[in-house]
Protein backbone atom coordinates (compact mmCIF):
# COMPACT_ATOMS: atom_id res chain seq x y z
CA MET A 1 0.00 0.00 0.00
CA ASN A 2 1.39 3.38 -1.00
CA LEU A 3 0.43 6.02 1.57
CA SER A 4 0.71 8.82 -0.98
CA ASP A 5 -2.16 7.27 -2.98
CA LEU A 6 -4.57 7.55 -0.07
CA SER A 7 -6.85 10.53 0.20
CA PRO A 8 -10.23 11.21 1.86
CA GLN A 9 -12.05 10.53 -1.42
CA ASN A 10 -10.08 7.28 -1.92
CA ASN A 11 -11.50 4.95 0.76
CA GLU A 12 -9.40 1.82 1.11
CA LEU A 13 -10.62 -1.32 2.86
CA ILE A 14 -8.08 -3.77 4.25
CA GLU A 15 -8.53 -7.13 5.92
CA ILE A 16 -6.18 -8.22 8.67
CA GLN A 17 -5.86 -11.72 10.05
CA CYS A 18 -3.98 -11.86 13.34
CA ASN A 19 -4.35 -13.31 16.81
CA ASP A 20 -4.55 -9.85 18.37
CA ARG A 21 -7.44 -8.66 16.21
CA TRP A 22 -9.77 -7.95 19.15
CA SER A 23 -7.18 -5.76 20.86
CA VAL A 24 -6.49 -3.99 17.56
CA TYR A 25 -10.24 -3.64 16.98
CA GLN A 26 -10.78 -1.99 20.37
CA ARG A 27 -7.89 0.46 19.87
CA LEU A 28 -9.04 1.43 16.38
CA GLN A 29 -12.56 2.00 17.74
CA GLU A 30 -11.07 4.32 20.38
CA LEU A 31 -9.30 6.24 17.60
CA GLY A 32 -12.55 6.55 15.63
CA ILE A 33 -11.31 4.46 12.70
CA PRO A 34 -14.11 2.42 11.08
CA CYS A 35 -13.50 -1.31 11.53
CA TRP A 36 -15.48 -4.54 11.78
CA CYS A 37 -14.63 -7.85 13.36
CA SER A 38 -16.70 -11.04 13.53
CA TYR A 39 -15.89 -14.37 15.12
CA TYR A 40 -13.43 -16.42 13.05
CA GLN A 41 -13.23 -13.66 10.42
CA PRO A 42 -10.45 -11.20 9.58
CA LEU A 43 -10.57 -7.68 10.96
CA LYS A 44 -11.73 -5.25 8.28
CA VAL A 45 -10.49 -1.67 8.50
CA GLN A 46 -11.53 1.29 6.39
CA ILE A 47 -8.73 3.73 5.62
CA ARG A 48 -10.11 7.19 4.88
CA SER A 49 -6.96 9.28 5.11
CA VAL A 50 -3.19 9.20 5.37
CA ALA A 51 -3.49 10.02 9.08
CA ALA A 52 -5.74 6.97 9.58
CA ALA A 53 -3.26 4.78 7.69
CA ILE A 54 -0.44 5.94 9.95
CA GLN A 55 -2.53 5.33 13.07
CA ILE A 56 -3.40 1.81 11.85
CA TRP A 57 0.27 1.10 11.15
CA SER A 58 1.17 2.35 14.64
CA VAL A 59 -1.46 0.19 16.35
CA PHE A 60 -0.30 -2.95 14.52
CA ARG A 61 3.33 -2.15 15.22
CA GLN A 62 2.63 -1.86 18.94
CA MET A 63 0.94 -5.28 18.89
CA LYS A 64 3.61 -7.10 16.89
CA VAL A 65 6.94 -5.56 17.91
CA SER A 66 8.60 -6.55 21.16
CA ARG A 67 8.71 -4.12 24.06
CA PRO A 68 12.52 -3.66 23.94
CA VAL A 69 12.31 -2.68 20.27
CA LEU A 70 9.57 -0.15 21.03
CA ILE A 71 11.65 1.30 23.89
CA ASP A 72 14.72 1.59 21.64
CA HIS A 73 12.65 3.36 18.98
CA LEU A 74 11.20 5.78 21.52
CA GLU A 75 14.65 6.58 22.92
CA TYR A 76 15.91 7.14 19.34
CA CYS A 77 13.04 9.57 18.70
CA TRP A 78 13.87 11.55 21.85
CA GLN A 79 17.45 12.17 20.67
């Protein structure tokens, strides 16, 4: 997915299959990003903007990357 191709008039729908889909679903709901999740089905997320795409990427990264890697990245950003 190319983030530069996304715009508010270009709604993208992605499906994600992962073990953490309920946690991801809850976080995306908190952020106001449209998403749907049924039992034994992939999480479907609607991307309406570049900002939403970045937030989705961030949520998935937090779920999949180990805590030490996240800490290292945060410390790098502070420098």
